Structure formats: C-alpha cells, structure tokens
Protein backbone atom coordinates (compact mmCIF):
# COMPACT_ATOMS: atom_id res chain seq x y z
CA UNK A 1 17.76 -31.92 37.88
CA UNK A 2 14.37 -33.87 36.72
CA UNK A 3 15.59 -37.20 35.48
CA UNK A 4 12.94 -36.62 32.97
CA UNK A 5 14.74 -33.34 31.57
CA UNK A 6 17.97 -34.80 32.02
CA UNK A 7 16.50 -37.75 29.15
CA UNK A 8 15.41 -35.24 26.72
CA UNK A 9 18.01 -32.45 27.08
CA UNK A 10 21.15 -34.44 27.65
CA UNK A 11 23.28 -31.76 27.11
CA UNK A 12 22.10 -29.23 29.90
CA UNK A 13 22.88 -32.41 32.57
CA UNK A 14 25.41 -30.60 33.99
CA UNK A 15 23.62 -27.49 34.06
CA UNK A 16 22.14 -27.12 37.50
CA UNK A 17 22.47 -23.50 38.38
CA UNK A 18 21.08 -20.80 36.10
CA UNK A 19 21.80 -20.64 32.46
CA UNK A 20 20.75 -17.02 31.50
CA UNK A 21 21.11 -13.85 33.71
CA UNK A 22 17.66 -12.51 32.54
CA UNK A 23 14.53 -15.45 32.39
CA UNK A 24 11.30 -16.44 34.06
CA UNK A 25 12.88 -18.65 37.61
CA UNK A 26 12.25 -22.28 37.40
CA UNK A 27 10.25 -24.25 40.81
CA UNK A 28 13.88 -24.01 42.29
CA UNK A 29 14.18 -20.30 42.19
CA UNK A 30 11.03 -19.72 42.99
CA UNK A 31 11.53 -21.52 46.29
CA UNK A 32 14.89 -20.00 47.33
CA UNK A 33 12.92 -16.94 47.30
CA UNK A 34 10.07 -18.51 50.12
CA UNK A 35 12.62 -19.51 52.00
CA UNK A 36 14.76 -16.16 52.22
CA UNK A 37 12.08 -14.89 52.97
CA UNK A 38 10.83 -13.05 49.43
CA UNK A 39 7.61 -14.56 49.65
CA UNK A 40 6.00 -15.16 52.76
CA UNK A 41 2.24 -16.22 54.19
CA UNK A 42 1.42 -16.44 57.68
CA UNK A 43 0.15 -20.01 56.38
CA UNK A 44 3.25 -21.66 55.38
CA UNK A 45 3.35 -22.12 51.91
CA UNK A 46 2.98 -26.10 50.32
CA UNK A 47 5.58 -27.92 48.12
CA UNK A 48 2.49 -28.84 45.86
CA UNK A 49 2.13 -24.77 45.63
CA UNK A 50 5.38 -24.39 43.46
CA UNK A 51 5.19 -25.42 39.26
CA UNK A 52 7.51 -26.02 37.23
CA UNK A 53 8.06 -21.95 36.54
CA UNK A 54 5.29 -20.06 38.63
CA UNK A 55 3.00 -20.17 42.71
CA UNK A 56 -0.26 -21.09 43.22
CA UNK A 57 -1.53 -18.39 45.30
CA UNK A 58 -4.33 -18.96 47.44
CA UNK A 59 -7.46 -17.14 49.17
CA UNK A 60 -7.20 -15.57 51.93
CA UNK A 61 -9.99 -15.44 54.79
CA UNK A 62 -12.15 -12.96 53.66
CA UNK A 63 -13.21 -11.65 50.56
CA UNK A 64 -15.16 -8.34 49.92
CA UNK A 65 -18.36 -7.48 47.39
CA UNK A 66 -17.93 -4.34 46.07
CA UNK A 67 -20.18 -2.40 43.70
CA UNK A 68 -17.21 -2.25 40.85
CA UNK A 69 -14.17 -3.49 39.21
CA UNK A 70 -10.94 -1.11 39.75
CA UNK A 71 -7.48 -0.46 39.71
CA UNK A 72 -6.06 1.55 42.36
CA UNK A 73 -3.67 4.22 40.72
CA UNK A 74 -0.40 4.60 41.47
CA UNK A 75 -0.68 6.80 43.91
CA UNK A 76 -3.62 4.61 45.89
CA UNK A 77 -3.34 1.35 47.90
CA UNK A 78 -6.53 -1.10 47.34
CA UNK A 79 -7.53 -0.88 51.16
CA UNK A 80 -8.36 2.98 50.14
CA UNK A 81 -10.85 1.75 47.19
CA UNK A 82 -12.01 -1.25 49.39
CA UNK A 83 -13.19 1.91 51.84
CA UNK A 84 -15.20 3.13 48.86
CA UNK A 85 -17.00 0.38 47.46
CA UNK A 86 -17.12 -2.33 49.93
CA UNK A 87 -20.83 -3.82 49.94
CA UNK A 88 -20.02 -6.37 52.57
CA UNK A 89 -17.53 -8.96 53.87
CA UNK A 90 -17.98 -12.72 53.49
CA UNK A 91 -16.26 -14.68 55.86
CA UNK A 92 -13.93 -17.66 53.44
CA UNK A 93 -12.50 -19.60 56.80
CA UNK A 94 -16.17 -21.75 55.49
CA UNK A 95 -17.13 -22.86 52.08
CA UNK A 96 -18.33 -19.26 51.17
CA UNK A 97 -21.06 -18.31 47.44
CA UNK A 98 -19.35 -16.21 45.46
CA UNK A 99 -22.43 -15.43 43.25
CA UNK A 100 -22.71 -15.33 38.92
CA UNK A 101 -21.96 -11.44 37.65
CA UNK A 102 -21.47 -9.84 41.22
CA UNK A 103 -17.65 -8.54 41.52
CA UNK A 104 -15.18 -9.74 44.73
CA UNK A 105 -11.75 -8.46 45.99
CA UNK A 106 -10.43 -10.96 48.09
CA UNK A 107 -6.68 -10.45 49.49
CA UNK A 108 -4.26 -13.81 49.12
CA UNK A 109 -2.49 -15.36 51.96
CA UNK A 110 0.92 -14.65 50.18
CA UNK A 111 3.00 -11.28 50.61
CA UNK A 112 5.85 -10.85 48.14
CA UNK A 113 9.24 -8.54 49.29
CA UNK A 114 10.76 -8.98 45.67
CA UNK A 115 14.32 -8.09 44.80
CA UNK A 116 14.61 -4.98 42.96
CA UNK A 117 15.11 -6.63 39.33
CA UNK A 118 12.15 -9.71 40.05
CA UNK A 119 8.86 -8.88 38.39
CA UNK A 120 5.62 -10.36 38.48
CA UNK A 121 2.69 -11.82 36.20
CA UNK A 122 -0.34 -13.50 36.54
CA UNK A 123 -3.04 -15.32 35.20
CA UNK A 124 -5.87 -18.01 36.05
CA UNK A 125 -5.30 -21.44 36.56
CA UNK A 126 -6.35 -23.24 33.56
CA UNK A 127 -9.43 -24.90 36.00
CA UNK A 128 -10.69 -21.14 36.36
CA UNK A 129 -10.53 -20.03 32.87
CA UNK A 130 -12.37 -23.13 32.17
CA UNK A 131 -14.84 -22.27 34.59
CA UNK A 132 -15.24 -18.76 32.77
CA UNK A 133 -14.12 -17.33 36.76
CA UNK A 134 -12.26 -13.63 35.95
CA UNK A 135 -9.94 -13.58 38.04
CA UNK A 136 -7.45 -10.70 37.95
CA UNK A 137 -4.68 -9.92 40.47
CA UNK A 138 -4.15 -6.61 42.08
CA UNK A 139 -1.27 -4.56 44.07
CA UNK A 140 -1.23 -1.82 45.95
CA UNK A 141 -0.29 1.77 43.66
CA UNK A 142 -1.06 -1.22 40.65
CA UNK A 143 -1.95 0.96 37.41
CA UNK A 144 -2.51 -2.41 35.52
CA UNK A 145 -3.68 -6.14 36.36
CA UNK A 146 -1.72 -9.35 36.25
CA UNK A 147 1.34 -7.29 36.85
CA UNK A 148 4.00 -6.84 39.55
CA UNK A 149 6.68 -4.52 39.28
CA UNK A 150 10.10 -5.03 39.93
CA UNK A 151 10.95 -4.63 44.12
CA UNK A 152 7.72 -4.75 44.84
CA UNK A 153 6.75 -4.87 48.55
CA UNK A 154 3.15 -5.66 49.66
CA UNK A 155 -0.21 -7.84 49.98
CA UNK A 156 -1.63 -9.41 46.48
CA UNK A 157 -5.02 -9.16 45.87
CA UNK A 158 -7.26 -10.46 43.61
CA UNK A 159 -10.24 -9.66 41.53
CA UNK A 160 -13.08 -12.63 40.90
CA UNK A 161 -16.04 -12.08 39.01
CA UNK A 162 -17.61 -15.21 38.29
CA UNK A 163 -18.93 -14.75 34.67
CA UNK A 164 -21.20 -17.90 34.02
CA UNK A 165 -21.38 -20.09 37.13
CA UNK A 166 -21.79 -19.22 40.28
CA UNK A 167 -18.99 -20.64 42.38
CA UNK A 168 -17.93 -22.38 46.05
CA UNK A 169 -14.72 -21.44 47.38
CA UNK A 170 -13.00 -21.16 50.64
CA UNK A 171 -9.99 -19.82 52.60
CA UNK A 172 -6.59 -21.80 50.41
CA UNK A 173 -8.77 -22.08 47.21
CA UNK A 174 -6.06 -21.76 44.24
CA UNK A 175 -7.57 -19.39 41.55
CA UNK A 176 -4.16 -17.93 40.22
CA UNK A 177 -0.46 -18.88 39.80
CA UNK A 178 1.93 -16.37 39.21
CA UNK A 179 4.80 -16.42 37.18
CA UNK A 180 8.23 -14.12 38.53
CA UNK A 181 11.13 -12.69 35.56
CA UNK A 182 14.13 -11.25 36.55
CA UNK A 183 14.81 -8.48 33.96
CA UNK A 184 12.64 -8.07 30.86
CA UNK A 185 13.50 -10.70 28.08
CA UNK A 186 12.48 -9.80 24.96
CA UNK A 187 10.89 -12.85 22.92
CA UNK A 188 12.83 -13.91 19.22
CA UNK A 189 10.92 -14.96 16.62
CA UNK A 190 14.56 -15.98 15.63
CA UNK A 191 15.36 -18.00 18.11
CA UNK A 192 11.82 -19.44 18.13
CA UNK A 193 12.06 -20.66 14.57
CA UNK A 194 15.38 -22.45 16.51
CA UNK A 195 13.57 -23.74 18.88
CA UNK A 196 11.18 -25.16 16.59
CA UNK A 197 14.27 -26.57 14.01
CA UNK A 198 15.61 -28.36 17.49
CA UNK A 199 11.81 -29.52 19.38
CA UNK A 200 9.26 -29.69 16.55
CA UNK A 201 6.85 -27.09 18.70
CA UNK A 202 3.42 -28.44 16.82
CA UNK A 203 1.91 -31.96 15.95
CA UNK A 204 -1.04 -31.94 14.19
CA UNK A 205 -3.89 -34.60 15.18
CA UNK A 206 -2.50 -37.49 13.94
CA UNK A 207 0.96 -37.29 15.73
CA UNK A 208 2.69 -35.57 12.08
CA UNK A 209 4.92 -32.39 12.90
CA UNK A 210 2.99 -30.02 11.57
CA UNK A 211 4.85 -26.31 10.49
CA UNK A 212 4.99 -23.52 12.90
CA UNK A 213 3.17 -20.62 11.94
CA UNK A 214 5.80 -17.87 13.71
CA UNK A 215 4.86 -13.94 13.59
CA UNK A 216 5.33 -12.52 17.06
CA UNK A 217 5.10 -15.82 18.61
CA UNK A 218 3.75 -19.04 17.56
CA UNK A 219 0.21 -18.71 16.23
CA UNK A 220 -2.29 -21.27 16.85
CA UNK A 221 -5.84 -22.11 14.90
CA UNK A 222 -8.86 -23.35 16.10
CA UNK A 223 -10.08 -26.76 15.20
CA UNK A 224 -14.20 -27.09 14.27
CA UNK A 225 -14.11 -30.71 12.80
CA UNK A 226 -12.43 -32.79 15.76
CA UNK A 227 -11.68 -36.74 15.55
CA UNK A 228 -13.23 -39.56 13.59
CA UNK A 229 -13.69 -40.82 17.33
CA UNK A 230 -16.07 -38.34 18.74
CA UNK A 231 -19.19 -35.94 17.42
CA UNK A 232 -18.75 -33.07 19.77
CA UNK A 233 -16.05 -30.42 18.67
CA UNK A 234 -16.39 -28.11 21.84
CA UNK A 235 -19.27 -27.22 24.56
CA UNK A 236 -21.69 -24.00 25.22
CA UNK A 237 -22.20 -23.28 28.76
CA UNK A 238 -25.80 -23.58 30.10
CA UNK A 239 -27.40 -20.92 31.50
CA UNK A 240 -28.80 -20.68 34.94
CA UNK A 241 -26.92 -24.01 35.68
CA UNK A 242 -26.61 -25.33 39.28
CA UNK A 243 -23.42 -24.07 41.49
CA UNK A 244 -20.54 -25.17 41.44
CA UNK A 245 -17.97 -26.53 44.61
CA UNK A 246 -14.43 -26.19 43.22
CA UNK A 247 -13.28 -28.56 45.69
CA UNK A 248 -15.15 -31.56 44.33
CA UNK A 249 -13.04 -32.77 41.74
CA UNK A 250 -14.96 -35.91 39.20
CA UNK A 251 -18.06 -34.57 39.94
CA UNK A 252 -20.33 -32.88 38.73
CA UNK A 253 -22.48 -34.38 35.39
CA UNK A 254 -21.10 -32.55 32.05
CA UNK A 255 -24.57 -32.41 30.55
CA UNK A 256 -25.63 -30.15 33.31
CA UNK A 257 -24.21 -27.60 33.18
CA UNK A 258 -22.86 -27.83 29.09
CA UNK A 259 -24.95 -28.44 25.29
CA UNK A 260 -22.13 -30.50 23.88
CA UNK A 261 -21.59 -28.60 19.97
CA UNK A 262 -21.97 -31.20 17.27
CA UNK A 263 -19.05 -31.02 14.56
CA UNK A 264 -20.74 -28.30 12.13
CA UNK A 265 -21.47 -29.92 8.48
CA UNK A 266 -20.32 -25.94 7.48
CA UNK A 267 -17.12 -26.04 9.40
CA UNK A 268 -18.21 -22.97 10.85
CA UNK A 269 -20.41 -21.56 14.03
CA UNK A 270 -21.45 -18.70 14.87
CA UNK A 271 -20.53 -17.67 18.60
CA UNK A 272 -23.36 -15.71 20.63
CA UNK A 273 -22.29 -12.44 22.37
CA UNK A 274 -23.61 -13.86 25.67
CA UNK A 275 -22.21 -17.37 25.75
CA UNK A 276 -19.40 -19.29 26.53
CA UNK A 277 -17.52 -21.83 25.00
CA UNK A 278 -15.34 -24.39 25.23
CA UNK A 279 -12.81 -25.48 21.88
CA UNK A 280 -10.04 -26.80 21.01
CA UNK A 281 -7.02 -25.69 19.16
CA UNK A 282 -6.12 -27.55 15.93
CA UNK A 283 -2.43 -28.27 16.50
CA UNK A 284 -0.60 -29.90 19.44
CA UNK A 285 1.40 -27.65 21.05
CA UNK A 286 5.10 -28.47 23.19
CA UNK A 287 6.40 -26.65 25.77
CA UNK A 288 10.19 -27.40 26.14
CA UNK A 289 11.17 -28.09 29.31
CA UNK A 290 13.30 -24.99 29.42
CA UNK A 291 10.88 -22.72 28.49
CA UNK A 292 7.33 -21.61 29.03
CA UNK A 293 4.89 -19.81 27.10
CA UNK A 294 1.89 -17.14 27.32
CA UNK A 295 -1.10 -17.41 25.23
CA UNK A 296 -2.62 -13.84 23.91
CA UNK A 297 -5.97 -13.39 25.34
CA UNK A 298 -7.31 -10.92 22.66
CA UNK A 299 -6.10 -9.82 19.56
CA UNK A 300 -8.67 -7.23 17.60
CA UNK A 301 -6.63 -7.95 14.48
CA UNK A 302 -8.25 -11.47 14.21
CA UNK A 303 -11.39 -10.87 15.35
CA UNK A 304 -13.98 -9.78 17.81
CA UNK A 305 -13.57 -12.12 20.62
CA UNK A 306 -11.88 -13.37 23.21
CA UNK A 307 -9.34 -16.50 23.64
CA UNK A 308 -8.21 -18.11 26.74
CA UNK A 309 -8.78 -16.26 29.81
CA UNK A 310 -5.81 -18.62 31.51
CA UNK A 311 -3.33 -18.36 28.89
CA UNK A 312 0.42 -19.40 31.17
CA UNK A 313 1.63 -22.94 29.32
CA UNK A 314 4.37 -24.67 32.06
CA UNK A 315 7.40 -26.29 30.77
CA UNK A 316 7.08 -29.55 29.56
CA UNK A 317 3.64 -28.99 28.39
CA UNK A 318 3.08 -31.31 25.64
CA UNK A 319 6.02 -33.76 26.63
CA UNK A 320 5.20 -35.94 29.25
CA UNK A 321 7.36 -38.72 30.61
CA UNK A 322 7.11 -40.26 27.49
CA UNK A 323 8.42 -37.62 25.06
CA UNK A 324 4.20 -37.02 23.64
CA UNK A 325 3.71 -35.27 20.19
CA UNK A 326 2.16 -32.57 21.63
CA UNK A 327 -0.76 -31.49 23.56
CA UNK A 328 -3.68 -29.48 22.65
CA UNK A 329 -4.51 -26.24 23.92
CA UNK A 330 -7.82 -26.07 25.62
CA UNK A 331 -9.57 -22.25 24.38
CA UNK A 332 -12.07 -20.50 26.83
CA UNK A 333 -13.57 -18.11 24.05
CA UNK A 334 -16.22 -15.31 24.32
CA UNK A 335 -17.75 -13.50 22.01
CA UNK A 336 -17.89 -9.57 22.52
CA UNK A 337 -21.22 -7.77 21.56
CA UNK A 338 -21.96 -8.97 18.27
CA UNK A 339 -22.51 -12.44 16.66
CA UNK A 340 -19.20 -13.76 15.36
CA UNK A 341 -18.49 -17.01 12.68
CA UNK A 342 -15.77 -18.93 13.66
CA UNK A 343 -14.19 -21.23 11.22
CA UNK A 344 -12.14 -24.36 10.91
CA UNK A 345 -8.87 -23.68 10.87
CA UNK A 346 -9.14 -19.96 11.78
CA UNK A 347 -5.86 -18.40 13.10
CA UNK A 348 -7.38 -17.06 16.89
CA UNK A 349 -4.58 -16.59 19.13
CA UNK A 350 -0.64 -16.78 19.24
CA UNK A 351 1.70 -18.09 22.55
CA UNK A 352 4.47 -16.05 23.05
CA UNK A 353 7.37 -18.39 23.91
CA UNK A 354 10.28 -17.14 26.85
CA UNK A 355 13.26 -19.04 28.39
CA UNK A 356 13.74 -19.98 32.20
CA UNK A 357 16.95 -18.84 34.04
CA UNK A 358 17.34 -22.54 34.19
CA UNK A 359 15.96 -25.68 33.86
CA UNK A 360 13.37 -26.73 36.42
CA UNK A 361 13.63 -29.87 39.21
CA UNK A 362 10.22 -30.41 37.85
CA UNK A 363 8.12 -30.51 34.49
CA UNK A 364 3.86 -30.47 33.56
CA UNK A 365 2.92 -34.27 33.66
CA UNK A 366 1.06 -36.36 35.25
CA UNK A 367 4.28 -37.03 38.11
CA UNK A 368 3.44 -33.33 39.87
CA UNK A 369 -0.19 -33.87 39.33
CA UNK A 370 -0.92 -31.40 36.35
CA UNK A 371 -4.56 -32.34 35.17
CA UNK A 372 -4.52 -31.87 31.73
CA UNK A 373 -1.39 -33.11 30.11
CA UNK A 374 -2.92 -35.65 27.73
CA UNK A 375 -6.37 -33.48 26.83
CA UNK A 376 -8.53 -33.63 24.19
CA UNK A 377 -11.88 -31.19 24.21
CA UNK A 378 -11.49 -31.44 28.53
CA UNK A 379 -13.81 -29.67 31.02
CA UNK A 380 -12.74 -28.63 34.13
CA UNK A 381 -11.44 -31.29 36.65
CA UNK A 382 -14.32 -30.99 38.17
CA UNK A 383 -16.68 -32.50 35.56
CA UNK A 384 -16.81 -36.23 35.12
CA UNK A 385 -14.42 -38.03 32.83
CA UNK A 386 -16.19 -39.52 30.52
C-alpha cells in the first residue's frame, strides 16, 4: 500500500485486499483486469495509463469524420452507423488535425471483456475539458454516452467535437478515462456527512475549514473575487485562435488563446452563450484516498449553463504528499442559448463521492505525474505557467 495513504489512514495499514463487495475499482484491481485479459489492447497497456481509480484510454490509428453525433441504440453496432454517416477517414498514425466544430468518431485501442458484475463510466480527462473538447464514449448497442453496461464485451469508441480550438492529435493520444465499478453502490448523504466530520472535505482559500453544503452530494460555488495575489478570476477563450498540438506541454502563450477576466467590481459576470470560460470554485476540495468523486456536469435547477466537462476527481485530490488543505476545482463553463448572470458565491454544481473497493496503491499527486494537484486558476498543461 502507498506509504502516504498509510500515514493518513493508519487504521487501513492492514487492509491490502477489498474493504467492500461493491464500489469503484482502485488501481491494483484495474491492473488485475488487464493481467487477466478483461481489458486488452494490441499495443500493450502501459503502467502510466493506470490512475488511482481509472485507466486512461488511447486513440486508435484512424478517425472518422461523420455528419452527425449518434448513439447506436440497443439493436445496432457503431460500425453500422459509421457506414451511413461517415464522410472520410483520417490517418492518426501521424499527427492530424481535428477541426473545431466538426464531429469525429475514433475507435480506441482498448477493448473490453468485463466480468458480469463490473460496469464502467467514462469522462474526459482534465486537460481535455479545459480545452473545450467534447469527448464522449460510445459502445456497441449503447443507449447512452459515457456508460458501459456490466459484462460488456466489445470495442470502445470516442466521439470527439473540438468546440473552441482545433487540435492536433495522433494514435495513442489520451483524451478520456474509464472508471470501473463492481455492483451499484448508492451514494449516501449520511455517509458523506460522517466522512466530512472525520476528514474535513472543504477548506477556504486561507486554509480555514468551511462548512460542507451536503444535499445529494457536496455542493460547490463559484469564486469571482479570487485572492489578493491576482486580479484575474478566470479566462474567456478567444475566437479564431491558433491550432493546439496536444503533445506540446508548457509551450503556448496563454494570451494568444485566452482573455483574462479581471475581478469584477459588481462581483458578477454575464456569460455569453457562444463563449467558453475557465473559472474556479470558491471551496478547496478534498477527496480522501479511499474515495473518488464525480462532478455533476449540468443541473437545470441552478441555471442555464454547464460546468465541468471533465468530472472525475481522483482519490487523494486535495491531500498531496504534505496533507495539503484542499485544492480548488477548475470549472469549464459554457452558457446555454441565453446570456446568464453568474454571481460570486453562487452554487453551481455538486460532487458525488463514491467509495472504492479498497484503498488504491497510488493516489493523486505529483508522485504519479498528476498535473493539477495544487492548482489555483490553471489552464491546461499545454500552456506556459506564469
């Protein structure tokens, strides 16, 4: 077991197997599924694809430009839809451009042959969401995006729609990540309240514990005032920006692609329907290493906008090697159809906490190459850090 987990949770030192019969599979259980052939690929799956409670999925060697988004439905395979909707093929064995506003379907390298009680759910990776790339998993006979039925056997596909920037990708690029779940454990507000009492799930900017707003998950609010060290509280993407090569890290000048949003005197901003924003949560969040969380992307009860395309939060987020006092959630925000007034402190979404079958052998943080552990207002890793 990771020594950091043992230090944070000494009572779990003796637990190296499963604590529960249902829950999200931790890293070591994912590896077992790979070793047993339940997750497989012609190109071997690398260790760095396995995250604390998920596995990164890789683009295959070909992409298909299609006329429209689709779901296969219970009576159809993805290939039969592609035969009707395909416009042309793109060779991804060399770097290739996916153009803004176009819809692409890419078969993934990984395929599944899941055990009967194991299901899956998929989200874009954090970097994918921060670049406003719509990336949704599709399966054969699938009736909904991002969900894999228990016992699924077959290929995996991803629908990709770059919304703001055209991007350069290639075979092996990792845009989304898959979590696997045994059974159907129901989230519990009672359990979440107890977890908050024990661990303190929410802190403010000055590292003071904050009261957790718990109602069908942990609610988070928007920060439009920021700290004393900066005047910028967010970013708005520029139109007609240059191409972004996803393989280039710490490379691009943010000001070529983003307009900083200064701290508003009114403590509010108006979201334009055609614009994409990067904003920050007021709370600093913690995900204990024996839990994972998912941000609910859209809730019509709080306004006509969508937050957080990339909704997975890994075990250990907001803890780190030094038991840090939480990490802000970076929120990808887009208004729906009409301008919308967003005010400082407004509740914008909620995190659903889900337990793991057992503590993972690795946790989120710099030790496994996590990019955003101590983030403030952070753009994707392709942009230079100031």
